Amino acid sequence: MKITLLGTGTPAPSLNRQSSGYLFEIGNDIIVMDHGPGAHQRLLEAGYSANDVTHCFITHHHYDHMMDYPRLLLTRWDQGGHNLPELKVFGPEPLIEINNRFIGPNGAFAFDIASRIQSPASLAVYKVRGGKGERPYPDPELREVKPGDVIEGLDWKITVGPVRHVQPHLSCVSYRLENDTGTVVYSGDNGGVYEPFVDFCKGADVLILMNHFLSNTELTKEYREMSGSHLDNAEIAKRADAKLLVLSHFLPTFNKLGVKEQMITEMAGIYHGPIVLGEDLMQIALPLDNIEIIAD
């Protein structure tokens, strides 16, 4: 299994960090988890294309986690050959409604899609790429998921887990990916030390957590309970007995001199395993016997 961090930032604008996005290469499957603004550009920079992606998992429907989903979907449909299987998409409700608002008959991109299906010029391009007959409408395979659901691939399994974020306003989930090289848990956005999520993480080889801000600088008690911070993440990793902790979803304030060093020092007093500060395009290879992390 190879993990590529596509976006390690937040909704805050940044020239260095794109919004949330993660890619997992397992055998012939390319799985993306979340696809926020800028994540698709990072996917291209990492050497992949939309056509390579077989599965897309969304943790929740904040725009910084799924704004590039329609780009992935439409690029794959428009550029792919007629034999390319439909993209398999998973996420919490209302995934189906949101997808329809993008590409449904009255969706935001319905006029674009209609022109590519009906225009003689577009149909000529479609035929050059191997298409025959009428051009089909994009039709991803959609499945709305909730904690406890299990999705199985050829040689991998993903279990849907709980998180504490902005419920009940949005449904939010996490994912646990397992294959014979190891186990990775991606939190999406989780706040505080949420016991159901801690249990879900136990025994993970790699734990990817939202590290939005520094603990004890939160605006309110509720803010800390909905957004991940460094001391809480260290406690989660400790209780879960994770082998490797990867921090992501950083606000630009972490770029201030000495902040990251102080944060790691404080976290090391709680969690004694290796801690990685995620960067866009960083790659992590499993199994972790000979840990290999490549930062571009």
Protein backbone atom coordinates (compact mmCIF):
# COMPACT_ATOMS: atom_id res chain seq x y z
CA MET A 1 0.00 0.00 0.00
CA LYS A 2 1.26 3.48 -0.85
CA ILE A 3 -0.31 6.59 0.66
CA THR A 4 0.00 10.02 -0.95
CA LEU A 5 -1.10 13.11 0.96
CA LEU A 6 -2.72 15.28 -1.70
CA GLY A 7 -3.90 18.11 0.53
CA THR A 8 -2.95 18.84 4.14
CA GLY A 9 -4.52 22.26 4.57
CA THR A 10 -7.84 23.76 5.63
CA PRO A 11 -10.40 26.12 4.08
CA ALA A 12 -7.90 28.94 4.80
CA PRO A 13 -6.12 29.99 1.59
CA SER A 14 -2.55 28.72 1.33
CA LEU A 15 0.09 28.60 -1.40
CA ASN A 16 1.70 25.54 0.19
CA ARG A 17 -1.20 23.38 1.36
CA GLN A 18 -4.26 22.39 -0.65
CA SER A 19 -7.43 21.29 1.10
CA SER A 20 -8.08 17.75 2.31
CA GLY A 21 -7.25 14.87 -0.01
CA TYR A 22 -5.56 11.47 0.35
CA LEU A 23 -4.71 8.77 -2.18
CA PHE A 24 -4.17 5.07 -1.54
CA GLU A 25 -2.64 2.79 -4.17
CA ILE A 26 -3.43 -0.87 -3.53
CA GLY A 27 -2.85 -3.33 -6.36
CA ASN A 28 -4.91 -2.18 -9.35
CA ASP A 29 -7.13 0.10 -7.28
CA ILE A 30 -6.55 3.82 -6.73
CA ILE A 31 -8.67 5.06 -3.83
CA VAL A 32 -9.07 8.73 -2.94
CA MET A 33 -10.44 9.83 0.41
CA ASP A 34 -11.82 13.36 0.32
CA HIS A 35 -11.11 15.63 -2.62
CA GLY A 36 -11.10 19.25 -1.47
CA PRO A 37 -10.12 22.29 -3.56
CA GLY A 38 -6.64 21.80 -4.98
CA ALA A 39 -6.48 18.07 -4.21
CA HIS A 40 -7.03 17.17 -7.86
CA GLN A 41 -4.10 19.31 -8.97
CA ARG A 42 -1.94 17.50 -6.41
CA LEU A 43 -3.19 14.18 -7.79
CA LEU A 44 -1.86 15.19 -11.19
CA GLU A 45 1.42 16.39 -9.69
CA ALA A 46 1.80 13.01 -7.98
CA GLY A 47 1.69 11.31 -11.38
CA TYR A 48 -1.90 10.08 -11.43
CA SER A 49 -4.90 10.98 -13.57
CA ALA A 50 -8.63 11.00 -13.00
CA ASN A 51 -8.87 7.87 -15.14
CA ASP A 52 -6.66 6.01 -12.67
CA VAL A 53 -9.04 6.56 -9.75
CA THR A 54 -11.38 3.64 -9.11
CA HIS A 55 -12.98 4.60 -5.77
CA CYS A 56 -13.79 7.87 -4.01
CA PHE A 57 -14.66 8.07 -0.30
CA ILE A 58 -15.95 11.33 1.20
CA THR A 59 -15.93 11.80 4.99
CA HIS A 60 -18.37 14.73 5.05
CA HIS A 61 -19.67 17.47 2.81
CA HIS A 62 -17.74 20.53 3.94
CA TYR A 63 -16.44 22.17 0.77
CA ASP A 64 -12.80 21.79 1.81
CA HIS A 65 -13.31 18.01 1.68
CA MET A 66 -15.26 17.59 -1.56
CA MET A 67 -15.14 20.65 -3.84
CA ASP A 68 -12.86 18.83 -6.32
CA TYR A 69 -15.20 15.83 -6.43
CA PRO A 70 -17.09 17.16 -9.48
CA ARG A 71 -13.74 17.87 -11.15
CA LEU A 72 -12.65 14.27 -10.57
CA LEU A 73 -15.99 12.92 -11.74
CA LEU A 74 -16.36 15.05 -14.86
CA THR A 75 -12.71 14.84 -15.91
CA ARG A 76 -12.83 11.08 -15.61
CA TRP A 77 -16.06 10.92 -17.63
CA ASP A 78 -14.93 13.42 -20.28
CA GLN A 79 -11.36 12.17 -20.76
CA GLY A 80 -11.88 8.45 -20.20
CA GLY A 81 -12.60 5.92 -22.89
CA HIS A 82 -16.00 4.33 -23.35
CA ASN A 83 -14.84 1.16 -21.56
CA LEU A 84 -13.74 2.94 -18.37
CA PRO A 85 -15.83 1.58 -15.46
CA GLU A 86 -17.96 4.09 -13.59
CA LEU A 87 -16.38 5.71 -10.54
CA LYS A 88 -17.47 4.08 -7.27
CA VAL A 89 -18.34 6.81 -4.77
CA PHE A 90 -19.05 6.44 -1.04
CA GLY A 91 -20.00 9.00 1.57
CA PRO A 92 -22.56 9.91 4.22
CA GLU A 93 -25.99 11.18 3.33
CA PRO A 94 -26.98 13.27 1.41
CA LEU A 95 -24.34 12.06 -1.07
CA ILE A 96 -26.93 11.14 -3.71
CA GLU A 97 -28.68 14.53 -3.49
CA ILE A 98 -25.37 16.42 -3.69
CA ASN A 99 -24.26 14.36 -6.69
CA ASN A 100 -27.57 15.16 -8.41
CA ARG A 101 -27.10 18.85 -7.69
CA PHE A 102 -23.81 18.64 -9.57
CA ILE A 103 -24.66 16.41 -12.53
CA GLY A 104 -28.40 15.65 -12.32
CA PRO A 105 -30.84 16.82 -15.04
CA ASN A 106 -31.13 20.18 -13.27
CA GLY A 107 -27.65 20.17 -11.77
CA ALA A 108 -24.97 22.83 -11.97
CA PHE A 109 -23.15 21.05 -14.79
CA ALA A 110 -26.20 19.76 -16.67
CA PHE A 111 -25.76 22.27 -19.52
CA ASP A 112 -22.06 21.39 -19.84
CA ILE A 113 -22.83 17.66 -19.95
CA ALA A 114 -25.65 18.17 -22.47
CA SER A 115 -23.33 20.05 -24.81
CA ARG A 116 -20.71 17.28 -24.66
CA ILE A 117 -23.34 14.65 -25.38
CA GLN A 118 -25.04 16.55 -28.22
CA SER A 119 -22.39 18.70 -29.88
CA PRO A 120 -21.02 17.13 -33.11
CA ALA A 121 -17.54 18.38 -32.21
CA SER A 122 -17.66 16.73 -28.78
CA LEU A 123 -19.06 13.53 -30.23
CA ALA A 124 -16.19 13.44 -32.74
CA VAL A 125 -13.70 13.61 -29.87
CA TYR A 126 -15.64 10.90 -28.05
CA LYS A 127 -15.42 8.62 -31.09
CA VAL A 128 -11.69 9.25 -31.49
CA ARG A 129 -11.30 7.99 -27.91
CA GLY A 130 -13.07 4.76 -28.81
CA GLY A 131 -16.66 5.70 -28.07
CA LYS A 132 -19.47 4.28 -30.17
CA GLY A 133 -23.08 5.33 -30.62
CA GLU A 134 -24.67 7.87 -28.31
CA ARG A 135 -22.46 9.24 -25.60
CA PRO A 136 -23.70 8.05 -22.18
CA TYR A 137 -24.44 10.42 -19.32
CA PRO A 138 -21.98 10.26 -16.36
CA ASP A 139 -23.39 7.75 -13.92
CA PRO A 140 -21.14 7.07 -10.90
CA GLU A 141 -22.01 4.20 -8.61
CA LEU A 142 -23.15 5.94 -5.42
CA ARG A 143 -23.51 4.45 -1.95
CA GLU A 144 -24.42 6.38 1.16
CA VAL A 145 -22.63 4.97 4.21
CA LYS A 146 -22.79 5.20 7.99
CA PRO A 147 -20.61 3.97 10.87
CA GLY A 148 -20.42 0.18 10.91
CA ASP A 149 -20.72 -0.26 7.15
CA VAL A 150 -18.04 -2.33 5.39
CA ILE A 151 -16.87 -2.00 1.78
CA GLU A 152 -14.69 -4.76 0.36
CA GLY A 153 -12.38 -4.57 -2.64
CA LEU A 154 -10.34 -7.27 -4.30
CA ASP A 155 -7.64 -7.31 -1.61
CA TRP A 156 -8.71 -4.58 0.81
CA LYS A 157 -11.51 -3.70 3.21
CA ILE A 158 -12.78 -0.32 4.40
CA THR A 159 -14.86 0.01 7.54
CA VAL A 160 -16.83 3.20 8.19
CA GLY A 161 -16.28 4.70 11.62
CA PRO A 162 -17.60 7.41 13.94
CA VAL A 163 -16.26 10.92 14.46
CA ARG A 164 -17.38 14.01 16.34
CA HIS A 165 -17.45 17.09 14.15
CA VAL A 166 -20.48 19.18 13.12
CA GLN A 167 -23.33 16.75 13.64
CA PRO A 168 -26.30 17.01 13.35
CA HIS A 169 -25.80 19.73 10.75
CA LEU A 170 -23.68 17.40 8.59
CA SER A 171 -23.25 13.66 8.73
CA CYS A 172 -19.55 12.90 9.29
CA VAL A 173 -17.61 9.62 9.20
CA SER A 174 -14.07 8.23 9.32
CA TYR A 175 -12.55 5.31 7.42
CA ARG A 176 -10.40 2.33 8.39
CA LEU A 177 -8.57 0.78 5.43
CA GLU A 178 -7.08 -2.69 5.88
CA ASN A 179 -5.10 -5.01 3.65
CA ASP A 180 -2.30 -7.52 4.14
CA THR A 181 0.34 -4.77 4.45
CA GLY A 182 -1.31 -2.91 7.30
CA THR A 183 -4.14 -0.76 8.60
CA VAL A 184 -4.70 2.96 8.04
CA VAL A 185 -7.30 5.07 9.81
CA TYR A 186 -8.21 8.46 8.35
CA SER A 187 -10.23 10.61 10.70
CA GLY A 188 -11.66 13.08 8.23
CA ASP A 189 -12.46 15.81 10.75
CA ASN A 190 -12.68 14.66 14.36
CA GLY A 191 -12.70 16.85 17.42
CA GLY A 192 -11.40 16.22 20.93
CA VAL A 193 -10.76 12.81 22.46
CA TYR A 194 -13.93 11.11 21.26
CA GLU A 195 -14.06 7.66 22.81
CA PRO A 196 -15.97 5.87 20.00
CA PHE A 197 -13.36 7.14 17.56
CA VAL A 198 -10.49 6.10 19.84
CA ASP A 199 -11.88 2.56 19.90
CA PHE A 200 -12.20 2.63 16.10
CA CYS A 201 -8.50 3.55 15.76
CA LYS A 202 -7.06 0.82 17.98
CA GLY A 203 -4.15 -1.10 16.50
CA ALA A 204 -3.78 1.13 13.43
CA ASP A 205 -0.40 1.10 11.74
CA VAL A 206 -0.95 4.61 10.38
CA LEU A 207 -3.28 7.14 11.96
CA ILE A 208 -4.04 10.28 9.91
CA LEU A 209 -5.63 12.95 12.09
CA MET A 210 -7.00 16.44 11.65
CA ASN A 211 -4.61 18.73 13.56
CA HIS A 212 -6.42 22.00 12.97
CA PHE A 213 -5.05 24.12 15.82
CA LEU A 214 -3.01 24.08 19.04
CA SER A 215 -4.79 22.76 22.11
CA ASN A 216 -5.76 25.43 24.65
CA THR A 217 -6.05 28.11 21.96
CA GLU A 218 -9.61 27.15 21.01
CA LEU A 219 -12.28 29.82 20.80
CA THR A 220 -14.80 27.84 22.84
CA LYS A 221 -15.24 24.44 24.46
CA GLU A 222 -17.49 23.47 21.55
CA TYR A 223 -14.79 24.45 19.03
CA ARG A 224 -12.32 22.04 20.61
CA GLU A 225 -14.91 19.27 20.61
CA MET A 226 -15.47 19.65 16.86
CA SER A 227 -11.91 20.25 15.62
CA GLY A 228 -8.72 18.27 16.19
CA SER A 229 -5.86 19.75 18.21
CA HIS A 230 -2.36 18.54 19.05
CA LEU A 231 -2.67 17.34 22.66
CA ASP A 232 -5.96 15.59 21.96
CA ASN A 233 -4.43 13.87 18.93
CA ALA A 234 -1.46 12.69 20.99
CA GLU A 235 -3.89 11.19 23.51
CA ILE A 236 -5.87 9.45 20.75
CA ALA A 237 -2.70 7.94 19.26
CA LYS A 238 -1.53 6.81 22.71
CA ARG A 239 -4.82 5.12 23.62
CA ALA A 240 -5.12 3.57 20.16
CA ASP A 241 -1.56 2.22 20.31
CA ALA A 242 -0.97 3.53 16.79
CA LYS A 243 2.41 2.75 15.24
CA LEU A 244 2.68 6.01 13.27
CA LEU A 245 0.82 9.29 13.74
CA VAL A 246 0.42 11.56 10.71
CA LEU A 247 -0.87 15.06 11.36
CA SER A 248 -2.72 17.04 8.71
CA HIS A 249 -5.34 19.78 8.19
CA PHE A 250 -3.05 22.57 9.47
CA LEU A 251 -4.05 26.21 9.77
CA PRO A 252 -1.48 28.70 8.38
CA THR A 253 -0.63 29.74 11.97
CA PHE A 254 1.53 26.59 12.21
CA ASN A 255 4.02 28.27 9.87
CA LYS A 256 5.14 30.67 12.60
CA LEU A 257 8.71 30.11 13.78
CA GLY A 258 9.02 27.46 16.48
CA VAL A 259 5.34 26.48 16.62
CA LYS A 260 5.76 23.03 15.10
CA GLU A 261 8.81 22.25 17.24
CA GLN A 262 6.99 23.17 20.44
CA MET A 263 3.95 21.18 19.37
CA ILE A 264 5.95 18.01 18.68
CA THR A 265 7.81 18.35 22.00
CA GLU A 266 4.53 18.57 23.92
CA MET A 267 2.97 15.69 22.00
CA ALA A 268 6.00 13.46 22.60
CA GLY A 269 5.32 13.69 26.31
CA ILE A 270 2.04 11.85 25.72
CA TYR A 271 2.50 9.67 22.63
CA HIS A 272 5.87 7.96 22.32
CA GLY A 273 5.63 6.74 18.72
CA PRO A 274 6.86 8.54 15.59
CA ILE A 275 4.98 11.70 14.60
CA VAL A 276 4.91 12.97 11.02
CA LEU A 277 3.91 16.50 10.08
CA GLY A 278 2.10 15.93 6.81
CA GLU A 279 2.99 17.94 3.72
CA ASP A 280 1.30 17.99 0.33
CA LEU A 281 2.64 15.19 -1.93
CA MET A 282 4.30 13.35 0.96
CA GLN A 283 4.22 9.59 0.41
CA ILE A 284 4.17 6.81 3.02
CA ALA A 285 4.72 3.17 2.08
CA LEU A 286 3.39 0.17 4.00
CA PRO A 287 4.29 -2.17 5.60
CA LEU A 288 6.11 -0.07 8.20
CA ASP A 289 8.87 -2.62 8.97
CA ASN A 290 11.28 -0.37 7.09
CA ILE A 291 9.48 2.94 7.34
CA GLU A 292 9.75 4.97 4.16
CA ILE A 293 8.38 8.49 3.98
CA ILE A 294 9.08 10.62 0.93
CA ALA A 295 8.51 14.36 1.11
CA ASP A 296 8.66 16.15 -2.24
